[in-house]
Protein backbone atom coordinates (compact mmCIF):
# COMPACT_ATOMS: atom_id res chain seq x y z
CA MET A 1 5.58 -4.65 6.31
CA TRP A 2 3.95 -1.27 7.05
CA LEU A 3 0.67 -3.01 6.57
CA ILE A 4 1.18 -5.05 3.53
CA SER A 5 -1.93 -4.55 1.49
CA SER A 6 -3.73 -7.45 -0.10
CA MET A 7 -3.12 -7.21 -3.84
CA ASN A 8 -5.71 -8.19 -6.38
CA ARG A 9 -5.55 -11.86 -7.40
CA ALA A 10 -6.38 -11.09 -11.03
CA THR A 11 -3.71 -11.77 -13.63
CA LEU A 12 -1.34 -8.84 -13.82
CA PRO A 13 0.72 -7.77 -16.84
CA GLN A 14 3.64 -10.10 -17.40
CA GLN A 15 5.77 -7.81 -19.59
CA ALA A 16 7.81 -6.02 -16.99
CA THR A 17 10.09 -3.11 -17.80
CA GLN A 18 13.64 -4.07 -16.90
CA VAL A 19 15.74 -1.61 -14.95
CA GLU A 20 19.42 -2.02 -14.23
CA SER A 21 20.88 -1.27 -10.82
CA THR A 22 23.79 1.14 -10.97
CA ARG A 23 26.79 0.13 -8.90
CA ILE A 24 28.28 2.92 -6.86
CA CYS A 25 31.26 3.46 -4.59
CA GLY A 26 30.94 1.71 -1.27
CA GLY A 27 29.35 -1.61 -2.02
CA GLY A 28 27.17 -0.90 -5.01
CA ASP A 29 23.43 -0.42 -4.94
CA TRP A 30 20.37 1.05 -6.55
CA ILE A 31 20.34 4.78 -7.33
CA SER A 32 16.90 6.29 -7.82
CA SER A 33 18.12 9.17 -9.94
CA VAL A 34 16.17 11.41 -12.29
CA ALA A 35 18.02 9.99 -15.27
CA GLN A 36 17.16 6.42 -14.33
CA ARG A 37 13.54 7.31 -13.75
CA ARG A 38 13.42 8.86 -17.19
CA ARG A 39 14.98 5.70 -18.69
CA LEU A 40 12.39 3.56 -16.93
CA LEU A 41 9.55 5.64 -18.33
CA LEU A 42 10.95 5.64 -21.85
CA ASP A 43 11.94 1.97 -21.96
CA GLY A 44 8.39 0.68 -22.29
CA ARG A 45 6.97 -2.31 -24.09
CA ARG A 46 3.71 -2.27 -25.99
CA ARG A 47 0.70 -4.41 -25.33
CA GLU A 48 -2.78 -4.39 -26.80
CA VAL A 49 -5.60 -3.29 -24.51
CA ASP A 50 -9.20 -2.95 -25.69
CA GLY A 51 -8.18 -2.81 -29.32
CA ARG A 52 -5.43 -0.22 -29.02
CA TRP A 53 -1.73 -0.40 -28.39
CA VAL A 54 -0.67 0.87 -25.00
CA CYS A 55 2.91 1.43 -24.00
CA HIS A 56 4.08 0.76 -20.45
CA GLY A 57 6.48 3.62 -20.98
CA MET A 58 5.82 7.20 -22.09
CA MET A 59 4.07 6.48 -25.41
CA THR A 60 0.36 5.91 -25.90
CA THR A 61 -0.92 6.03 -29.45
CA SER A 62 -4.50 5.97 -30.64
CA SER A 63 -5.67 4.30 -33.87
CA SER A 64 -5.35 7.67 -35.57
CA GLY A 65 -1.67 7.83 -34.64
CA LEU A 66 -2.09 10.85 -32.37
CA ASP A 67 -0.45 10.77 -28.96
CA LYS A 68 -2.81 11.13 -26.03
CA VAL A 69 -0.93 12.68 -23.14
CA GLU A 70 -3.70 12.03 -20.60
CA ASP A 71 -3.95 8.34 -21.55
CA ARG A 72 -0.20 8.04 -21.51
CA VAL A 73 0.06 9.38 -17.95
CA GLU A 74 -2.77 7.15 -16.76
CA ASP A 75 -1.13 4.11 -18.36
CA LEU A 76 1.96 4.83 -16.26
CA ASN A 77 -0.13 5.16 -13.12
CA GLN A 78 -1.91 1.88 -13.81
CA HIS A 79 1.41 0.23 -14.60
CA MET A 80 2.59 1.28 -11.14
CA ARG A 81 -0.65 0.09 -9.50
CA GLU A 82 -0.26 -3.38 -10.99
CA GLY A 83 3.32 -4.02 -9.94
CA SER A 84 5.45 -2.06 -12.40
CA HIS A 85 8.64 -3.90 -13.36
CA GLU A 86 8.10 -6.27 -10.40
CA SER A 87 4.70 -7.61 -11.54
CA PRO A 88 5.91 -11.25 -11.96
CA LEU A 89 6.89 -11.40 -8.29
CA VAL A 90 3.70 -9.58 -7.28
CA VAL A 91 1.76 -12.32 -9.07
CA ARG A 92 3.92 -14.98 -7.39
CA GLN A 93 3.16 -13.51 -3.97
CA ALA A 94 -0.58 -13.31 -4.67
CA SER A 95 -0.62 -16.89 -5.98
CA LYS A 96 0.66 -18.51 -2.78
CA SER A 97 -1.37 -21.31 -1.23
CA ASP A 98 -2.21 -22.04 2.41
CA GLU A 99 -3.91 -25.32 3.15
CA GLU A 100 -4.82 -24.18 6.67
CA GLN A 101 -7.18 -21.51 5.33
CA ALA A 102 -10.62 -22.70 4.25
CA ARG A 103 -11.80 -22.14 0.71
CA ILE A 104 -14.42 -19.42 0.46
CA ALA A 105 -16.69 -21.76 -1.50
CA SER A 106 -16.73 -24.13 1.47
CA VAL A 107 -18.01 -21.39 3.77
CA LEU A 108 -20.32 -19.17 1.70
CA ASP A 109 -23.28 -20.27 -0.41
CA GLU A 110 -22.89 -20.28 -4.20
CA ALA A 111 -24.38 -17.19 -5.82
CA GLU A 112 -27.38 -18.04 -7.97
CA GLN A 113 -27.40 -16.99 -11.60
CA MET A 114 -30.97 -16.06 -12.46
CA PRO A 115 -32.16 -14.18 -15.58
CA ASP A 116 -33.24 -10.62 -14.84
CA GLN A 117 -32.09 -10.87 -11.23
CA VAL A 118 -30.72 -7.60 -9.83
CA VAL A 119 -29.12 -7.78 -6.36
CA ASP A 120 -28.22 -4.80 -4.24
CA VAL A 121 -24.44 -4.94 -4.48
CA VAL A 122 -21.75 -6.97 -6.22
CA VAL A 123 -18.44 -6.70 -4.37
CA VAL A 124 -15.40 -7.66 -6.47
CA GLY A 125 -12.38 -8.85 -4.47
CA CYS A 126 -11.88 -11.36 -1.65
CA GLY A 127 -9.16 -9.69 0.40
CA PRO A 128 -9.73 -7.88 3.72
CA ALA A 129 -11.42 -4.94 1.97
CA GLY A 130 -13.86 -7.09 -0.01
CA LEU A 131 -14.78 -9.44 2.84
CA SER A 132 -15.21 -6.66 5.42
CA LEU A 133 -17.36 -4.51 3.11
CA ALA A 134 -19.49 -7.45 2.00
CA SER A 135 -20.17 -8.46 5.61
CA GLU A 136 -21.09 -4.89 6.63
CA LEU A 137 -23.47 -4.57 3.67
CA GLY A 138 -25.08 -7.90 4.55
CA ALA A 139 -25.47 -6.76 8.17
CA ARG A 140 -27.52 -3.81 6.87
CA GLY A 141 -29.93 -6.03 4.98
CA CYS A 142 -28.38 -5.71 1.53
CA ARG A 143 -28.36 -8.68 -0.82
CA VAL A 144 -24.66 -9.08 -1.64
CA ILE A 145 -22.73 -11.25 -4.10
CA LEU A 146 -18.99 -11.54 -3.56
CA VAL A 147 -16.95 -12.18 -6.71
CA GLY A 148 -13.24 -12.96 -6.95
CA HIS A 149 -10.54 -15.57 -6.71
CA ASP A 150 -10.93 -18.17 -3.97
CA VAL A 151 -7.49 -17.67 -2.45
CA PRO A 152 -6.06 -17.30 1.07
CA PHE A 153 -4.64 -14.23 2.76
CA VAL A 154 -0.92 -14.49 2.03
CA ASN A 155 0.62 -11.26 3.31
CA ASN A 156 2.02 -10.50 6.74
CA TYR A 157 0.16 -7.72 8.56
CA GLY A 158 1.55 -5.65 11.41
CA VAL A 159 -0.76 -3.28 13.30
CA TRP A 160 -0.86 -1.06 16.36
CA GLU A 161 -2.63 -3.12 19.04
CA ASP A 162 -4.94 -0.31 20.21
CA GLU A 163 -6.32 0.08 16.68
CA PHE A 164 -7.24 -3.59 16.42
CA VAL A 165 -8.78 -3.45 19.91
CA GLU A 166 -10.91 -0.54 18.70
CA LEU A 167 -12.07 -2.71 15.76
CA GLY A 168 -12.84 -5.66 18.04
CA LEU A 169 -10.23 -7.79 16.28
CA GLU A 170 -7.59 -8.16 19.00
CA HIS A 171 -8.31 -11.90 19.14
CA THR A 172 -6.80 -12.23 15.64
CA LEU A 173 -3.35 -11.10 16.81
CA ASP A 174 -0.63 -13.76 17.04
CA ARG A 175 1.86 -11.77 19.06
CA VAL A 176 2.02 -8.33 20.66
CA TRP A 177 5.18 -6.39 21.57
CA ASP A 178 4.72 -3.72 24.24
CA THR A 179 7.34 -1.41 22.71
CA SER A 180 9.07 -0.93 19.39
CA MET A 181 12.51 0.43 18.60
CA CYS A 182 13.91 2.51 15.76
CA TYR A 183 17.46 3.34 14.71
CA PHE A 184 18.20 6.37 12.57
CA ARG A 185 21.90 6.66 13.42
CA GLU A 186 24.52 4.59 15.21
CA GLY A 187 24.35 4.42 18.99
CA THR A 188 20.89 6.03 19.28
CA GLU A 189 17.78 3.95 19.86
CA THR A 190 14.43 5.68 19.49
CA THR A 191 11.77 3.95 21.58
CA VAL A 192 8.18 3.93 20.36
CA ALA A 193 6.03 3.36 23.44
CA ARG A 194 3.04 1.87 21.67
CA ALA A 195 2.11 -1.82 21.52
CA TYR A 196 2.49 -3.41 18.09
CA GLY A 197 0.98 -6.72 17.00
CA ARG A 198 1.32 -9.31 14.28
CA VAL A 199 -1.95 -10.41 12.71
CA ASN A 200 -2.72 -14.11 12.34
CA ARG A 201 -3.95 -14.03 8.75
CA LYS A 202 -5.94 -17.26 9.12
CA LYS A 203 -7.78 -15.97 12.19
CA LEU A 204 -8.52 -12.64 10.48
CA ARG A 205 -9.82 -14.30 7.33
CA ASP A 206 -11.90 -16.80 9.33
CA GLU A 207 -13.43 -13.92 11.29
CA LEU A 208 -14.35 -11.94 8.18
CA LEU A 209 -15.70 -15.03 6.39
CA SER A 210 -17.85 -15.96 9.39
CA ARG A 211 -19.35 -12.46 9.35
CA CYS A 212 -20.12 -12.82 5.64
CA LYS A 213 -21.74 -16.19 6.28
CA GLU A 214 -23.79 -14.82 9.16
CA HIS A 215 -25.17 -12.00 7.02
CA GLY A 216 -26.07 -14.05 3.95
CA VAL A 217 -23.31 -13.04 1.53
CA SER A 218 -23.07 -15.44 -1.44
CA PHE A 219 -20.00 -16.10 -3.55
CA HIS A 220 -18.93 -16.88 -7.10
CA PRO A 221 -15.27 -17.57 -7.95
CA GLY A 222 -13.78 -16.02 -11.05
CA THR A 223 -12.10 -13.16 -12.86
CA VAL A 224 -14.03 -10.07 -13.94
CA MET A 225 -13.62 -9.36 -17.65
CA SER A 226 -15.93 -6.38 -18.06
CA ILE A 227 -18.53 -4.23 -16.32
CA ASP A 228 -21.51 -3.01 -18.34
CA SER A 229 -22.96 0.19 -16.88
CA SER A 230 -24.98 1.27 -19.90
CA ASP A 231 -28.30 0.68 -18.09
CA ASP A 232 -29.19 3.58 -15.80
CA SER A 233 -30.74 1.26 -13.21
CA LYS A 234 -28.07 -1.43 -12.90
CA SER A 235 -24.51 -2.51 -13.67
CA THR A 236 -23.63 -5.98 -14.93
CA VAL A 237 -20.41 -7.80 -14.10
CA VAL A 238 -19.22 -10.29 -16.73
CA LEU A 239 -16.80 -13.01 -15.61
CA LYS A 240 -14.29 -15.04 -17.56
CA ASP A 241 -16.35 -18.23 -17.12
CA GLY A 242 -19.35 -16.54 -18.74
CA ALA A 243 -21.25 -15.90 -15.53
CA THR A 244 -23.01 -12.52 -15.23
CA PHE A 245 -24.37 -10.74 -12.18
CA SER A 246 -26.37 -7.51 -12.16
CA ALA A 247 -26.62 -5.15 -9.22
CA LYS A 248 -27.79 -1.70 -8.27
CA MET A 249 -24.16 -1.00 -7.45
CA VAL A 250 -20.82 -2.63 -8.23
CA THR A 251 -17.95 -1.96 -5.82
CA LEU A 252 -14.38 -2.94 -6.69
CA ALA A 253 -12.26 -4.03 -3.72
CA SER A 254 -9.60 -5.91 -5.64
CA GLY A 255 -6.46 -3.83 -5.19
CA GLY A 256 -4.51 -1.88 -7.78
CA ALA A 257 -5.65 -3.91 -10.78
CA ALA A 258 -9.16 -2.53 -10.26
CA GLY A 259 -7.85 0.69 -11.78
CA ARG A 260 -8.45 -0.83 -15.21
CA PHE A 261 -12.16 -0.21 -14.66
CA LEU A 262 -11.93 3.17 -12.93
CA GLU A 263 -11.54 6.81 -13.91
CA TYR A 264 -9.20 9.16 -12.04
CA GLU A 265 -8.67 12.85 -11.51
CA SER A 266 -5.91 14.43 -13.57
CA GLU A 267 -4.35 16.94 -11.16
CA ALA A 268 -2.41 14.77 -8.71
CA PRO A 269 1.25 13.67 -8.97
CA GLY A 270 1.81 10.13 -10.24
CA THR A 271 1.59 6.85 -8.36
CA ALA A 272 4.60 5.65 -6.36
CA ALA A 273 5.24 2.31 -4.63
CA GLN A 274 6.41 0.80 -1.38
CA THR A 275 8.33 -2.44 -1.85
CA ALA A 276 9.58 -4.91 0.74
CA TYR A 277 11.31 -8.28 0.67
CA GLY A 278 10.86 -10.42 3.76
CA ILE A 279 11.62 -13.87 5.14
CA GLU A 280 10.29 -15.92 8.04
CA ALA A 281 13.47 -17.64 9.19
CA GLU A 282 15.24 -19.73 11.78
CA VAL A 283 18.22 -17.68 12.89
CA SER A 284 20.97 -17.39 15.46
CA GLY A 285 22.64 -14.24 16.77
CA TYR A 286 19.50 -12.07 16.67
CA GLU A 287 19.57 -11.45 20.42
CA ASP A 288 23.14 -10.11 20.12
CA ALA A 289 21.98 -7.47 17.65
CA PHE A 290 18.50 -6.58 18.99
CA ASP A 291 16.29 -7.09 22.00
CA PRO A 292 14.00 -10.02 21.05
CA GLU A 293 11.32 -8.73 23.46
CA LYS A 294 10.86 -5.60 21.34
CA MET A 295 9.59 -5.17 17.82
CA LEU A 296 12.11 -3.58 15.43
CA PHE A 297 10.09 -0.93 13.61
CA MET A 298 12.76 0.83 11.56
CA ASP A 299 16.53 0.48 11.29
CA PHE A 300 17.84 2.94 8.71
CA ARG A 301 21.50 2.48 9.66
CA ARG A 302 23.55 1.70 6.55
CA HIS A 303 24.68 -1.77 7.51
CA HIS A 304 24.07 -3.32 4.10
CA THR A 305 27.37 -2.18 2.66
CA GLY A 306 30.95 -1.40 3.70
CA LEU A 307 31.08 -3.58 6.84
CA TYR A 308 32.78 -6.86 7.62
CA PRO A 309 30.58 -9.71 8.92
CA GLY A 310 29.55 -9.28 12.54
CA THR A 311 30.95 -5.76 12.92
CA ALA A 312 27.73 -3.71 12.67
CA THR A 313 26.98 -3.92 16.39
CA ARG A 314 30.37 -2.37 17.16
CA GLN A 315 29.95 0.68 14.95
CA VAL A 316 30.30 4.13 16.50
CA ASP A 317 28.41 7.11 15.13
CA GLY A 318 30.68 9.04 12.78
CA GLU A 319 33.23 6.24 12.37
CA HIS A 320 31.66 4.01 9.71
CA PRO A 321 34.35 2.65 7.34
CA ASN A 322 32.29 4.02 4.46
CA GLY A 323 32.78 7.56 5.68
CA GLY A 324 31.33 8.92 8.92
CA ARG A 325 27.80 7.55 8.92
CA GLY A 326 28.41 5.29 5.95
CA LEU A 327 27.07 7.85 3.52
CA TRP A 328 29.85 8.10 0.96
CA ASP A 329 28.29 8.55 -2.46
CA THR A 330 24.79 7.63 -1.28
CA GLU A 331 23.04 10.91 -2.02
CA LYS A 332 20.91 9.32 -4.72
CA GLU A 333 20.52 5.89 -3.22
CA ALA A 334 16.90 5.02 -2.42
CA PRO A 335 16.84 4.50 1.38
CA SER A 336 15.50 1.31 2.94
CA PHE A 337 15.28 -0.02 6.46
CA LEU A 338 15.19 -3.29 8.39
CA TYR A 339 11.88 -4.29 10.01
CA ALA A 340 11.70 -7.33 12.26
CA MET A 341 9.06 -9.19 14.27
CA PRO A 342 10.81 -11.68 16.60
CA GLU A 343 8.61 -14.65 17.51
CA SER A 344 11.45 -15.93 19.68
CA LYS A 345 15.23 -15.58 19.90
CA THR A 346 15.62 -18.01 17.02
CA ARG A 347 12.55 -17.46 14.82
CA VAL A 348 12.11 -14.00 13.29
CA PHE A 349 10.26 -12.33 10.45
CA LEU A 350 12.90 -10.09 8.81
CA GLU A 351 12.05 -7.58 6.12
CA GLU A 352 13.93 -4.93 4.15
CA THR A 353 11.52 -2.15 3.21
CA CYS A 354 11.73 0.83 0.91
CA LEU A 355 9.06 3.15 2.29
CA VAL A 356 8.24 4.85 -1.00
CA THR A 357 9.99 5.67 -4.25
CA LYS A 358 9.53 6.21 -7.98
CA PRO A 359 10.19 3.86 -9.69
CA ALA A 360 9.71 0.96 -7.28
CA LEU A 361 12.92 -0.27 -5.66
CA PRO A 362 13.48 -3.80 -7.05
CA PHE A 363 12.97 -6.81 -4.80
CA SER A 364 16.39 -8.09 -5.86
CA VAL A 365 18.02 -5.00 -4.35
CA LEU A 366 16.02 -5.33 -1.15
CA LYS A 367 16.91 -9.02 -0.85
CA ARG A 368 20.60 -8.28 -1.33
CA ARG A 369 20.46 -5.52 1.29
CA LEU A 370 18.63 -7.77 3.77
CA TYR A 371 21.17 -10.58 3.56
CA ARG A 372 24.13 -8.19 3.65
CA ARG A 373 22.65 -6.39 6.63
CA CYS A 374 22.07 -9.63 8.54
CA GLU A 375 25.63 -10.72 7.83
CA ALA A 376 27.02 -7.42 9.12
CA LEU A 377 24.85 -7.71 12.25
CA GLY A 378 26.04 -11.27 12.91
CA ILE A 379 22.56 -12.73 12.33
CA LYS A 380 22.95 -16.15 10.72
CA ILE A 381 20.02 -17.46 8.69
CA HIS A 382 19.73 -21.24 8.99
CA LYS A 383 16.35 -21.96 7.43
CA VAL A 384 13.83 -19.88 5.48
CA TYR A 385 10.21 -20.93 6.05
CA GLU A 386 8.63 -18.32 3.81
CA GLU A 387 9.58 -15.53 1.43
CA GLU A 388 7.43 -12.46 0.92
CA TRP A 389 7.37 -9.90 -1.88
CA SER A 390 5.27 -6.94 -0.80
CA TYR A 391 4.28 -4.31 -3.36
CA ILE A 392 2.00 -1.45 -2.29
CA PRO A 393 1.01 1.28 -4.76
CA THR A 394 0.88 4.60 -2.92
CA GLY A 395 -0.44 8.04 -3.74
CA GLY A 396 -1.34 9.03 -7.26
CA PRO A 397 -4.62 10.46 -8.56
CA LEU A 398 -7.79 9.88 -6.56
CA PRO A 399 -10.78 8.23 -8.25
CA SER A 400 -13.20 10.51 -10.08
CA GLY A 401 -16.53 11.07 -8.37
CA SER A 402 -18.47 10.99 -11.62
CA GLN A 403 -18.46 7.33 -12.62
CA ARG A 404 -21.05 4.57 -12.42
CA ILE A 405 -19.07 2.09 -10.33
CA THR A 406 -17.46 2.51 -6.92
CA ALA A 407 -14.37 1.12 -5.21
CA PHE A 408 -13.05 0.43 -1.74
CA GLY A 409 -9.76 -0.32 0.00
CA ALA A 410 -6.57 -0.05 -2.02
CA ALA A 411 -8.69 0.07 -5.20
CA ALA A 412 -10.08 3.39 -3.94
CA ASN A 413 -6.66 4.77 -2.86
CA LEU A 414 -7.29 4.19 0.85
CA VAL A 415 -3.63 3.26 1.33
CA HIS A 416 -1.85 5.96 3.32
CA PRO A 417 0.45 7.54 0.67
CA ALA A 418 3.26 8.37 3.08
CA THR A 419 3.33 5.12 5.08
CA GLY A 420 1.66 2.32 3.13
CA TYR A 421 -0.80 1.68 5.98
CA SER A 422 -4.10 0.31 4.72
CA ILE A 423 -5.67 -2.60 6.55
CA VAL A 424 -6.81 -0.78 9.72
CA ARG A 425 -8.08 2.17 7.73
CA THR A 426 -9.96 -0.12 5.36
CA LEU A 427 -11.53 -2.25 8.09
CA GLY A 428 -12.43 0.86 10.05
CA HIS A 429 -14.09 2.50 7.03
CA SER A 430 -16.17 -0.55 6.12
CA PRO A 431 -19.24 0.33 8.24
CA LYS A 432 -19.37 3.92 6.93
CA MET A 433 -18.89 2.76 3.35
CA ALA A 434 -21.63 0.14 3.72
CA GLU A 435 -23.99 2.73 5.21
CA ALA A 436 -23.28 5.13 2.33
CA ILE A 437 -23.94 2.41 -0.26
CA LYS A 438 -27.18 1.32 1.39
CA ASP A 439 -28.49 4.89 1.54
CA ALA A 440 -27.46 5.57 -2.05
CA ILE A 441 -29.11 2.51 -3.62
CA THR A 442 -32.24 3.10 -1.51
CA GLU A 443 -32.72 6.79 -2.22
CA GLU A 444 -31.22 7.33 -5.69
CA THR A 445 -32.84 6.15 -8.93
CA THR A 446 -29.83 5.81 -11.24
CA CYS A 447 -26.46 4.08 -10.97
CA LEU A 448 -24.65 7.32 -11.67
CA ASP A 449 -26.43 9.29 -8.96
CA ALA A 450 -25.98 6.47 -6.45
CA SER A 451 -22.28 6.11 -7.25
CA LYS A 452 -21.67 9.86 -7.05
CA ARG A 453 -23.25 9.88 -3.62
CA VAL A 454 -20.97 7.07 -2.44
CA TRP A 455 -17.86 8.70 -3.91
CA ASP A 456 -18.79 11.99 -2.20
CA ALA A 457 -19.00 10.15 1.12
CA LEU A 458 -15.72 8.27 0.63
CA TRP A 459 -13.75 11.14 -0.87
CA SER A 460 -15.37 14.28 0.49
CA LEU A 461 -13.50 17.56 0.09
CA GLU A 462 -12.24 17.17 3.66
CA ASN A 463 -10.86 13.71 2.89
CA ARG A 464 -9.32 14.98 -0.35
CA ARG A 465 -7.56 17.74 1.55
CA GLN A 466 -6.14 15.18 3.94
CA ALA A 467 -5.05 13.02 0.99
CA SER A 468 -3.30 15.98 -0.68
CA PHE A 469 -1.31 16.54 2.52
CA HIS A 470 -0.35 12.86 2.71
CA ILE A 471 0.64 12.89 -0.97
CA PHE A 472 2.79 15.96 -0.31
CA GLY A 473 4.57 14.00 2.43
CA MET A 474 4.95 10.96 0.19
CA GLU A 475 6.50 13.00 -2.60
CA LEU A 476 8.88 14.60 -0.10
CA LEU A 477 10.02 11.17 1.10
CA CYS A 478 10.63 10.17 -2.53
CA GLN A 479 13.11 13.04 -2.80
CA LEU A 480 15.07 12.58 0.43
CA ASP A 481 18.43 10.84 0.59
CA LEU A 482 19.44 8.59 3.48
CA LEU A 483 20.81 11.37 5.69
CA ASN A 484 17.74 13.56 5.32
CA THR A 485 15.39 10.58 5.66
CA SER A 486 17.01 9.68 9.00
CA ASP A 487 16.77 13.30 10.18
CA PHE A 488 13.14 13.48 9.07
CA PHE A 489 12.08 10.41 11.07
CA THR A 490 14.08 11.52 14.10
CA THR A 491 12.00 14.69 13.95
CA PHE A 492 8.77 12.78 13.31
CA PHE A 493 9.01 10.60 16.41
CA ALA A 494 10.06 13.61 18.52
CA LEU A 495 6.63 15.14 17.94
CA PRO A 496 3.95 14.83 20.65
CA LYS A 497 2.58 11.27 20.58
CA ASN A 498 -0.92 12.34 19.56
CA GLN A 499 0.56 14.00 16.47
CA TRP A 500 2.56 11.12 15.02
CA GLU A 501 -0.06 8.56 16.08
CA GLY A 502 -2.79 10.61 14.41
CA PHE A 503 -0.76 11.00 11.24
CA LEU A 504 -0.03 7.27 10.93
CA ALA A 505 -3.68 6.41 11.59
CA SER A 506 -5.09 9.03 9.16
CA LYS A 507 -7.03 10.52 12.08
CA LEU A 508 -5.84 14.12 11.78
CA SER A 509 -8.26 16.50 10.10
CA SER A 510 -7.08 18.84 7.36
CA VAL A 511 -6.71 21.60 9.99
CA ASP A 512 -4.95 19.22 12.40
CA LEU A 513 -2.50 18.37 9.63
CA LEU A 514 -1.57 22.05 9.30
CA VAL A 515 -0.82 22.10 13.03
CA PHE A 516 1.21 18.90 12.52
CA ALA A 517 3.17 20.63 9.76
CA LEU A 518 3.90 23.69 11.91
CA LEU A 519 5.07 21.57 14.84
CA THR A 520 7.29 19.51 12.54
CA PHE A 521 8.80 22.65 11.04
CA ALA A 522 9.37 24.15 14.49
CA ILE A 523 11.50 21.26 15.81
CA ALA A 524 13.12 20.11 12.55
CA PRO A 525 16.82 20.73 11.85
CA PHE A 526 17.70 23.31 9.22
CA ASN A 527 18.21 20.78 6.41
CA ILE A 528 14.66 19.45 6.86
CA LYS A 529 13.21 22.96 7.15
CA PHE A 530 14.88 23.89 3.88
CA ARG A 531 13.58 20.82 2.08
CA LEU A 532 10.05 21.30 3.35
CA VAL A 533 9.91 24.88 2.10
CA ASN A 534 11.62 24.06 -1.19
CA HIS A 535 9.28 21.10 -1.76
CA LEU A 536 6.20 23.24 -1.13
CA ILE A 537 7.36 25.95 -3.54
CA THR A 538 8.91 23.92 -6.37
CA HIS A 539 7.28 20.46 -6.48
CA PRO A 540 3.92 19.77 -8.19
CA ALA A 541 2.77 18.13 -4.94
CA GLY A 542 2.99 21.55 -3.28
CA LYS A 543 0.74 23.07 -5.91
CA TYR A 544 -1.67 20.14 -5.61
CA LEU A 545 -1.77 20.57 -1.83
CA LEU A 546 -2.47 24.30 -1.97
CA GLU A 547 -5.10 24.02 -4.70
CA THR A 548 -6.93 21.23 -2.89
CA TYR A 549 -6.96 23.10 0.41
CA MET A 550 -8.32 26.22 -1.31
CA LYS A 551 -11.18 24.44 -3.09
CA LYS A 552 -14.73 25.09 -2.01
CA GLU A 553 -17.47 22.49 -1.51
CA SER A 554 -19.30 23.66 -4.63
CA GLU A 555 -16.31 23.05 -6.92
């Protein structure tokens, strides 16, 4: 959902930390408590990386036997970027096939391997970020080689229609709903008067591939094993099949797994994750629960537990069998919501989404909630055409600006930390990123200077300030229980439209975001006011926000 980012197709770690769900009063479900988080971090398994043992938990030990705290923290962040305890299902999602989508090798020319050849840019990754950046670089006269796995787009993408119109991609939308609806409590529908569309992934991929073809991008399939940046004038990508390609600049656009090759700042709070389990299904009873002419954006009502089948639509606010609003003993339950895109009255994409949490809410919990919720709503599932496991790393440290390689898309932390939005932002940034790369490789003489120039363009101080604000919001959402989450989003959508639209689209400047914060505080109920102030004063994200806003350009 929320713009399901395209994960890297490289092999991800298979040793997943196992976390037990804790059953609680009122139906039993996952509790994202401090104690459980600590258990997750401590219950790591070791694996060997680059000649040293690395623990997926809290322990990282060098060959000398001395613990390295910085490495240990970064190992946890990378563990989260690559799927955490859900990595097997992340790999399963990324490994899906789609015979309707053309193979990249059938569209783009094979990249030539020539001794001593140095091209302008090697782009690693064949998702939306990689294809869009490669095409924009080619359009500016750069010689580009695209490297990655020759796989289809497999995720479902939902976007605001006006944003895709602005990108000139409205023809890739399958379906558009004029309005969306949200439910944060029983009996109250919040209408979002903004058209929302579902992307046809084949049409989008075909469009991006045709642009790459038009601008002379060549392709080589494979997995990157290493990147040699020891030469000041070039970087060399080494693939698993033995192929090597040298370029003035290497840009990673391959999702969270690209973090293995990147360096990060040390000040920011750790990486979190958005998880979602979805199904494309043939159903009956949907029109009795929801208007099939509207898109269901968020339904936070607690229908996944405590209700008899078919009774959810008859619930009255304050009279849930599980206590008032159904909140008995749910203070530490990680909230999730139902998201639905109805293609018709009988065919619907249904998805249970946990917006953000640490650790990631398991897919098994989300699946259980989705089926229980549908049963309570009287929605009968007759046939499942497709299952989806969406895992989006959010927040965490930003990439360091002093490294010889660059990154783009989710690999460069362009996912909105508080919402999981990524595809529109990535596609919209592609021209600027391509322009920055072209200028850097033309005017700078070393890889390091060129890369620093690109990083400064992508993550300027202004953009870092905006990111620190978004991370602050993400960390706040990680702390809120179901009641406070519902109150927060009721407040959010009560803001002037330009404010919440700008926030979701990452279009508010760092100063605009302060205005956004003041407006939110002004109309929020007392419980949200209290949590905002407490979060700013006591949470590391508050310190990170203040320090980033107070930095000067020279620092």
